[in-house]
Amino acid sequence: MTAEARKHQRYTLKYPVDLIPERLGGVPFEGVSVDLSASGARIVTPLPLIAGETVDMSVCFDRTDNQKVRFRNARVVWVKEECDIYIAGVQLRTK
């Protein structure tokens, strides 16, 4: 998606992310955010996500008290493999 087509401004923010894909039966794994907006995120993960699947995603914005913001049923829009990592675009759902 081009910057012109985005609904919200993206910000380069690197935070720990916990991901729970439905297909893994609730087994979480960690990733890192690359950028975030009010409606989406680009994340880096060691394991592949699948475009179209939904994941529960928690972002730890404050490392001092480990408070996490949880996004349920976020939708994976795209995935790209680079070397030994995966980069994914995720649409955040607030409802």
C-alpha atoms as a PDB file:
ATOM      1  CA  MET A   1       0.000   0.000   0.000  1.00  0.00           C
ATOM      2  CA  THR A   2       1.411   3.387  -0.908  1.00  0.00           C
ATOM      3  CA  ALA A   3       1.780   6.173   1.619  1.00  0.00           C
ATOM      4  CA  GLU A   4      -0.862   8.159  -0.281  1.00  0.00           C
ATOM      5  CA  ALA A   5      -3.409   5.354   0.204  1.00  0.00           C
ATOM      6  CA  ARG A   6      -2.816   5.010   3.951  1.00  0.00           C
ATOM      7  CA  LYS A   7      -5.563   6.164   6.285  1.00  0.00           C
ATOM      8  CA  HIS A   8      -3.188   7.041   9.134  1.00  0.00           C
ATOM      9  CA  GLN A   9       0.350   8.339   9.508  1.00  0.00           C
ATOM     10  CA  ARG A  10       2.963   5.624  10.108  1.00  0.00           C
ATOM     11  CA  TYR A  11       5.641   6.064  12.762  1.00  0.00           C
ATOM     12  CA  THR A  12       8.935   4.194  12.986  1.00  0.00           C
ATOM     13  CA  LEU A  13       8.623   2.520  16.374  1.00  0.00           C
ATOM     14  CA  LYS A  14      10.498  -0.584  17.447  1.00  0.00           C
ATOM     15  CA  TYR A  15       8.745  -2.452  20.256  1.00  0.00           C
ATOM     16  CA  PRO A  16       8.545  -6.100  21.319  1.00  0.00           C
ATOM     17  CA  VAL A  17       5.491  -7.833  19.883  1.00  0.00           C
ATOM     18  CA  ASP A  18       3.836 -11.097  20.981  1.00  0.00           C
ATOM     19  CA  LEU A  19       1.914 -12.894  18.228  1.00  0.00           C
ATOM     20  CA  ILE A  20      -0.600 -15.718  18.557  1.00  0.00           C
ATOM     21  CA  PRO A  21      -1.706 -17.039  15.149  1.00  0.00           C
ATOM     22  CA  GLU A  22      -4.954 -19.038  15.148  1.00  0.00           C
ATOM     23  CA  ARG A  23      -3.330 -21.843  13.145  1.00  0.00           C
ATOM     24  CA  LEU A  24      -0.757 -22.551  15.860  1.00  0.00           C
ATOM     25  CA  GLY A  25      -3.451 -23.275  18.439  1.00  0.00           C
ATOM     26  CA  GLY A  26      -2.593 -20.430  20.768  1.00  0.00           C
ATOM     27  CA  VAL A  27       1.174 -20.944  20.861  1.00  0.00           C
ATOM     28  CA  PRO A  28       2.735 -17.464  21.038  1.00  0.00           C
ATOM     29  CA  PHE A  29       5.996 -16.304  19.511  1.00  0.00           C
ATOM     30  CA  GLU A  30       7.834 -12.986  19.566  1.00  0.00           C
ATOM     31  CA  GLY A  31       8.551 -10.386  16.946  1.00  0.00           C
ATOM     32  CA  VAL A  32       9.440  -6.698  16.743  1.00  0.00           C
ATOM     33  CA  SER A  33       7.450  -3.798  15.319  1.00  0.00           C
ATOM     34  CA  VAL A  34       9.118  -1.783  12.562  1.00  0.00           C
ATOM     35  CA  ASP A  35       6.442   0.871  12.234  1.00  0.00           C
ATOM     36  CA  LEU A  36       2.969   1.468  13.610  1.00  0.00           C
ATOM     37  CA  SER A  37      -0.115   3.501  12.781  1.00  0.00           C
ATOM     38  CA  ALA A  38      -3.626   3.707  14.191  1.00  0.00           C
ATOM     39  CA  SER A  39      -4.744   0.996  11.756  1.00  0.00           C
ATOM     40  CA  GLY A  40      -1.706  -1.126  10.957  1.00  0.00           C
ATOM     41  CA  ALA A  41       1.801  -2.286  11.679  1.00  0.00           C
ATOM     42  CA  ARG A  42       4.831  -3.682   9.941  1.00  0.00           C
ATOM     43  CA  ILE A  43       6.498  -6.381  12.020  1.00  0.00           C
ATOM     44  CA  VAL A  44       9.530  -8.643  11.812  1.00  0.00           C
ATOM     45  CA  THR A  45       9.235 -12.237  13.016  1.00  0.00           C
ATOM     46  CA  PRO A  46      11.460 -15.321  13.094  1.00  0.00           C
ATOM     47  CA  LEU A  47       8.521 -17.508  12.004  1.00  0.00           C
ATOM     48  CA  PRO A  48       6.329 -17.059   8.932  1.00  0.00           C
ATOM     49  CA  LEU A  49       2.845 -15.626   9.088  1.00  0.00           C
ATOM     50  CA  ILE A  50       0.352 -16.338   6.312  1.00  0.00           C
ATOM     51  CA  ALA A  51      -1.368 -13.554   4.366  1.00  0.00           C
ATOM     52  CA  GLY A  52      -5.069 -13.570   5.212  1.00  0.00           C
ATOM     53  CA  GLU A  53      -4.747 -15.246   8.607  1.00  0.00           C
ATOM     54  CA  THR A  54      -5.729 -13.555  11.855  1.00  0.00           C
ATOM     55  CA  VAL A  55      -3.461 -13.180  14.847  1.00  0.00           C
ATOM     56  CA  ASP A  56      -3.767 -11.803  18.330  1.00  0.00           C
ATOM     57  CA  MET A  57      -0.994  -9.268  18.755  1.00  0.00           C
ATOM     58  CA  SER A  58       0.299  -7.611  21.909  1.00  0.00           C
ATOM     59  CA  VAL A  59       2.699  -4.663  21.811  1.00  0.00           C
ATOM     60  CA  CYS A  60       4.818  -3.745  24.819  1.00  0.00           C
ATOM     61  CA  PHE A  61       5.073   0.061  24.637  1.00  0.00           C
ATOM     62  CA  ASP A  62       6.528   0.521  28.133  1.00  0.00           C
ATOM     63  CA  ARG A  63       9.389  -1.817  28.880  1.00  0.00           C
ATOM     64  CA  THR A  64       9.670  -0.606  32.476  1.00  0.00           C
ATOM     65  CA  ASP A  65       6.367  -2.099  33.664  1.00  0.00           C
ATOM     66  CA  ASN A  66       5.725  -4.634  30.853  1.00  0.00           C
ATOM     67  CA  GLN A  67       2.288  -3.140  30.080  1.00  0.00           C
ATOM     68  CA  LYS A  68       0.986  -4.477  26.773  1.00  0.00           C
ATOM     69  CA  VAL A  69      -1.673  -3.247  24.370  1.00  0.00           C
ATOM     70  CA  ARG A  70      -3.545  -6.150  22.814  1.00  0.00           C
ATOM     71  CA  PHE A  71      -5.070  -6.221  19.345  1.00  0.00           C
ATOM     72  CA  ARG A  72      -7.400  -9.171  18.803  1.00  0.00           C
ATOM     73  CA  ASN A  73      -8.041 -10.592  15.354  1.00  0.00           C
ATOM     74  CA  ALA A  74      -5.447  -8.502  13.542  1.00  0.00           C
ATOM     75  CA  ARG A  75      -5.323  -9.506   9.867  1.00  0.00           C
ATOM     76  CA  VAL A  76      -2.050 -10.336   8.118  1.00  0.00           C
ATOM     77  CA  VAL A  77      -2.175  -8.441   4.808  1.00  0.00           C
ATOM     78  CA  TRP A  78       1.181  -9.388   3.293  1.00  0.00           C
ATOM     79  CA  VAL A  79       4.352 -11.337   4.135  1.00  0.00           C
ATOM     80  CA  LYS A  80       7.856 -11.112   2.692  1.00  0.00           C
ATOM     81  CA  GLU A  81      10.787 -13.393   3.496  1.00  0.00           C
ATOM     82  CA  GLU A  82      14.261 -11.850   3.737  1.00  0.00           C
ATOM     83  CA  CYS A  83      17.206 -14.086   4.670  1.00  0.00           C
ATOM     84  CA  ASP A  84      16.138 -15.837   7.881  1.00  0.00           C
ATOM     85  CA  ILE A  85      13.373 -13.432   8.920  1.00  0.00           C
ATOM     86  CA  TYR A  86       9.844 -12.594   7.833  1.00  0.00           C
ATOM     87  CA  ILE A  87       8.389  -9.111   7.445  1.00  0.00           C
ATOM     88  CA  ALA A  88       4.618  -8.758   7.575  1.00  0.00           C
ATOM     89  CA  GLY A  89       2.046  -6.038   7.206  1.00  0.00           C
ATOM     90  CA  VAL A  90      -0.770  -6.375   9.737  1.00  0.00           C
ATOM     91  CA  GLN A  91      -4.115  -4.568   9.747  1.00  0.00           C
ATOM     92  CA  LEU A  92      -5.153  -3.754  13.320  1.00  0.00           C
ATOM     93  CA  ARG A  93      -8.786  -4.095  14.256  1.00  0.00           C
ATOM     94  CA  THR A  94     -10.082  -2.038  17.133  1.00  0.00           C
ATOM     95  CA  LYS A  95     -13.572  -3.528  17.295  1.00  0.00           C
END
